[in-house]
C-alpha atoms as a PDB file:
ATOM      1  CA  MET A   1      -3.167  35.932   0.893  1.00  0.00           C
ATOM      2  CA  GLN A   2      -3.497  36.890  -2.754  1.00  0.00           C
ATOM      3  CA  THR A   3      -2.468  33.364  -3.782  1.00  0.00           C
ATOM      4  CA  PHE A   4      -5.120  31.869  -1.506  1.00  0.00           C
ATOM      5  CA  TRP A   5      -7.927  33.928  -3.071  1.00  0.00           C
ATOM      6  CA  ARG A   6      -6.638  33.073  -6.537  1.00  0.00           C
ATOM      7  CA  TYR A   7      -6.826  29.391  -5.579  1.00  0.00           C
ATOM      8  CA  VAL A   8     -10.383  29.820  -4.245  1.00  0.00           C
ATOM      9  CA  ARG A   9     -11.456  31.375  -7.552  1.00  0.00           C
ATOM     10  CA  PHE A  10      -9.831  28.586  -9.573  1.00  0.00           C
ATOM     11  CA  GLN A  11     -11.380  25.952  -7.303  1.00  0.00           C
ATOM     12  CA  ALA A  12     -14.848  27.465  -7.676  1.00  0.00           C
ATOM     13  CA  MET A  13     -14.394  27.518 -11.450  1.00  0.00           C
ATOM     14  CA  MET A  14     -13.285  23.877 -11.477  1.00  0.00           C
ATOM     15  CA  PHE A  15     -16.254  22.781  -9.377  1.00  0.00           C
ATOM     16  CA  VAL A  16     -18.583  24.528 -11.824  1.00  0.00           C
ATOM     17  CA  PHE A  17     -16.928  22.762 -14.774  1.00  0.00           C
ATOM     18  CA  GLY A  18     -16.624  19.448 -12.938  1.00  0.00           C
ATOM     19  CA  ILE A  19     -19.858  19.461 -10.940  1.00  0.00           C
ATOM     20  CA  VAL A  20     -20.573  15.928 -12.116  1.00  0.00           C
ATOM     21  CA  GLY A  21     -17.956  14.544  -9.662  1.00  0.00           C
ATOM     22  CA  PRO A  22     -19.720  15.740  -6.503  1.00  0.00           C
ATOM     23  CA  ILE A  23     -23.074  14.795  -8.066  1.00  0.00           C
ATOM     24  CA  PHE A  24     -21.846  11.204  -8.510  1.00  0.00           C
ATOM     25  CA  LEU A  25     -20.677  11.139  -4.879  1.00  0.00           C
ATOM     26  CA  VAL A  26     -24.041  12.414  -3.624  1.00  0.00           C
ATOM     27  CA  LEU A  27     -25.797   9.858  -5.841  1.00  0.00           C
ATOM     28  CA  TYR A  28     -23.697   7.044  -4.407  1.00  0.00           C
ATOM     29  CA  PHE A  29     -24.166   8.006  -0.754  1.00  0.00           C
ATOM     30  CA  THR A  30     -27.903   8.776  -0.988  1.00  0.00           C
ATOM     31  CA  THR A  31     -29.026   5.621  -2.797  1.00  0.00           C
ATOM     32  CA  GLN A  32     -29.534   2.228  -1.229  1.00  0.00           C
ATOM     33  CA  PRO A  33     -26.375   0.088  -1.051  1.00  0.00           C
ATOM     34  CA  ASP A  34     -26.170  -1.589  -4.420  1.00  0.00           C
ATOM     35  CA  PRO A  35     -23.093  -3.038  -6.118  1.00  0.00           C
ATOM     36  CA  SER A  36     -24.212  -1.610  -9.453  1.00  0.00           C
ATOM     37  CA  THR A  37     -23.726   1.984  -8.209  1.00  0.00           C
ATOM     38  CA  ARG A  38     -20.120   1.458  -7.149  1.00  0.00           C
ATOM     39  CA  TRP A  39     -18.972   3.175 -10.375  1.00  0.00           C
ATOM     40  CA  ALA A  40     -20.549   6.445  -9.160  1.00  0.00           C
ATOM     41  CA  TYR A  41     -18.290   6.443  -6.099  1.00  0.00           C
ATOM     42  CA  TRP A  42     -15.062   5.860  -8.009  1.00  0.00           C
ATOM     43  CA  MET A  43     -15.862   8.222 -10.884  1.00  0.00           C
ATOM     44  CA  GLY A  44     -17.067  10.918  -8.485  1.00  0.00           C
ATOM     45  CA  LEU A  45     -13.925  10.556  -6.398  1.00  0.00           C
ATOM     46  CA  PHE A  46     -11.670  10.645  -9.469  1.00  0.00           C
ATOM     47  CA  ILE A  47     -13.365  13.686 -11.037  1.00  0.00           C
ATOM     48  CA  THR A  48     -13.398  15.638  -7.761  1.00  0.00           C
ATOM     49  CA  PHE A  49      -9.744  14.789  -7.082  1.00  0.00           C
ATOM     50  CA  ALA A  50      -8.796  15.845 -10.625  1.00  0.00           C
ATOM     51  CA  ASP A  51     -10.664  19.150 -10.167  1.00  0.00           C
ATOM     52  CA  ILE A  52      -8.655  19.914  -7.035  1.00  0.00           C
ATOM     53  CA  LEU A  53      -5.337  19.047  -8.694  1.00  0.00           C
ATOM     54  CA  ILE A  54      -6.144  21.175 -11.750  1.00  0.00           C
ATOM     55  CA  ALA A  55      -7.028  24.154  -9.549  1.00  0.00           C
ATOM     56  CA  LEU A  56      -3.744  23.762  -7.658  1.00  0.00           C
ATOM     57  CA  ALA A  57      -1.782  23.540 -10.922  1.00  0.00           C
ATOM     58  CA  LEU A  58      -3.487  26.644 -12.330  1.00  0.00           C
ATOM     59  CA  THR A  59      -2.779  28.554  -9.132  1.00  0.00           C
ATOM     60  CA  ASP A  60       0.871  27.547  -9.195  1.00  0.00           C
ATOM     61  CA  ALA A  61       1.220  28.465 -12.876  1.00  0.00           C
ATOM     62  CA  SER A  62      -0.355  31.878 -12.376  1.00  0.00           C
ATOM     63  CA  ARG A  63       1.801  32.534  -9.298  1.00  0.00           C
ATOM     64  CA  THR A  64       4.936  31.624 -11.240  1.00  0.00           C
ATOM     65  CA  ASP A  65       3.932  33.983 -14.064  1.00  0.00           C
ATOM     66  CA  ASP A  66       3.444  36.811 -11.557  1.00  0.00           C
ATOM     67  CA  ASP A  67       6.852  36.136 -10.010  1.00  0.00           C
ATOM     68  CA  ARG A  68       8.516  36.261 -13.428  1.00  0.00           C
ATOM     69  CA  SER A  69       6.866  39.543 -14.358  1.00  0.00           C
ATOM     70  CA  ARG A  70       7.901  41.084 -11.021  1.00  0.00           C
ATOM     71  CA  ARG A  71      11.504  40.014 -11.564  1.00  0.00           C
ATOM     72  CA  ARG A  72      11.495  41.692 -14.978  1.00  0.00           C
ATOM     73  CA  LEU A  73      10.242  44.930 -13.452  1.00  0.00           C
ATOM     74  CA  ILE A  74      12.881  44.893 -10.729  1.00  0.00           C
ATOM     75  CA  SER A  75      15.810  44.107 -13.061  1.00  0.00           C
END
Protein backbone atom coordinates (compact mmCIF):
# COMPACT_ATOMS: atom_id res chain seq x y z
CA MET A 1 0.00 0.00 0.00
CA GLN A 2 2.96 2.27 0.63
CA THR A 3 3.97 1.98 -3.04
CA PHE A 4 0.46 2.96 -4.14
CA TRP A 5 0.47 6.16 -2.06
CA ARG A 6 3.96 6.98 -3.32
CA TYR A 7 2.64 6.62 -6.87
CA VAL A 8 -0.36 8.87 -6.09
CA ARG A 9 1.99 11.57 -4.79
CA PHE A 10 4.23 11.33 -7.85
CA GLN A 11 1.20 11.39 -10.16
CA ALA A 12 -0.21 14.49 -8.46
CA MET A 13 3.18 16.18 -8.80
CA MET A 14 3.39 15.27 -12.49
CA PHE A 15 -0.10 16.61 -13.18
CA VAL A 16 0.87 19.89 -11.53
CA PHE A 17 4.02 20.13 -13.67
CA GLY A 18 2.28 18.88 -16.81
CA ILE A 19 -1.14 20.49 -16.40
CA VAL A 20 -0.96 21.74 -19.97
CA GLY A 21 -1.73 18.21 -21.28
CA PRO A 22 -5.18 17.95 -19.68
CA ILE A 23 -5.81 21.62 -20.55
CA PHE A 24 -5.19 20.84 -24.24
CA LEU A 25 -7.58 17.87 -24.03
CA VAL A 26 -10.31 20.00 -22.43
CA LEU A 27 -9.71 22.69 -25.06
CA TYR A 28 -10.09 20.15 -27.86
CA PHE A 29 -13.27 18.54 -26.53
CA THR A 30 -15.02 21.79 -25.54
CA THR A 31 -14.49 23.73 -28.77
CA GLN A 32 -16.46 23.31 -31.96
CA PRO A 33 -15.13 20.57 -34.28
CA ASP A 34 -12.41 22.25 -36.28
CA PRO A 35 -9.49 20.61 -38.08
CA SER A 36 -7.17 23.37 -36.90
CA THR A 37 -7.52 22.27 -33.25
CA ARG A 38 -6.50 18.68 -33.90
CA TRP A 39 -3.00 19.48 -32.58
CA ALA A 40 -4.49 20.13 -29.11
CA TYR A 41 -5.81 16.56 -28.97
CA TRP A 42 -2.53 14.91 -29.94
CA MET A 43 -0.30 17.14 -27.82
CA GLY A 44 -2.64 16.83 -24.83
CA LEU A 45 -2.71 13.06 -25.20
CA PHE A 46 1.08 12.86 -25.55
CA ILE A 47 1.81 15.13 -22.56
CA THR A 48 -0.71 13.35 -20.31
CA PHE A 49 0.62 9.93 -21.33
CA ALA A 50 4.20 11.07 -20.68
CA ASP A 51 3.18 12.38 -17.23
CA ILE A 52 1.76 8.98 -16.31
CA LEU A 53 4.85 7.11 -17.54
CA ILE A 54 7.19 9.46 -15.66
CA ALA A 55 5.22 8.98 -12.44
CA LEU A 56 5.39 5.20 -12.86
CA ALA A 57 9.15 5.35 -13.52
CA LEU A 58 9.75 7.54 -10.46
CA THR A 59 7.69 5.19 -8.30
CA ASP A 60 9.62 2.17 -9.55
CA ALA A 61 12.97 3.89 -9.01
CA SER A 62 12.09 4.93 -5.47
CA ARG A 63 10.78 1.44 -4.66
CA THR A 64 14.00 -0.12 -5.96
CA ASP A 65 16.07 2.26 -3.82
CA ASP A 66 14.04 1.29 -0.74
CA ASP A 67 14.54 -2.41 -1.48
CA ARG A 68 18.30 -1.93 -1.79
CA SER A 69 18.55 -0.05 1.49
CA ARG A 70 16.52 -2.75 3.27
CA ARG A 71 18.80 -5.46 1.92
CA ARG A 72 21.83 -3.58 3.26
CA LEU A 73 20.25 -3.38 6.70
CA ILE A 74 19.42 -7.08 6.75
CA SER A 75 22.86 -8.25 5.56
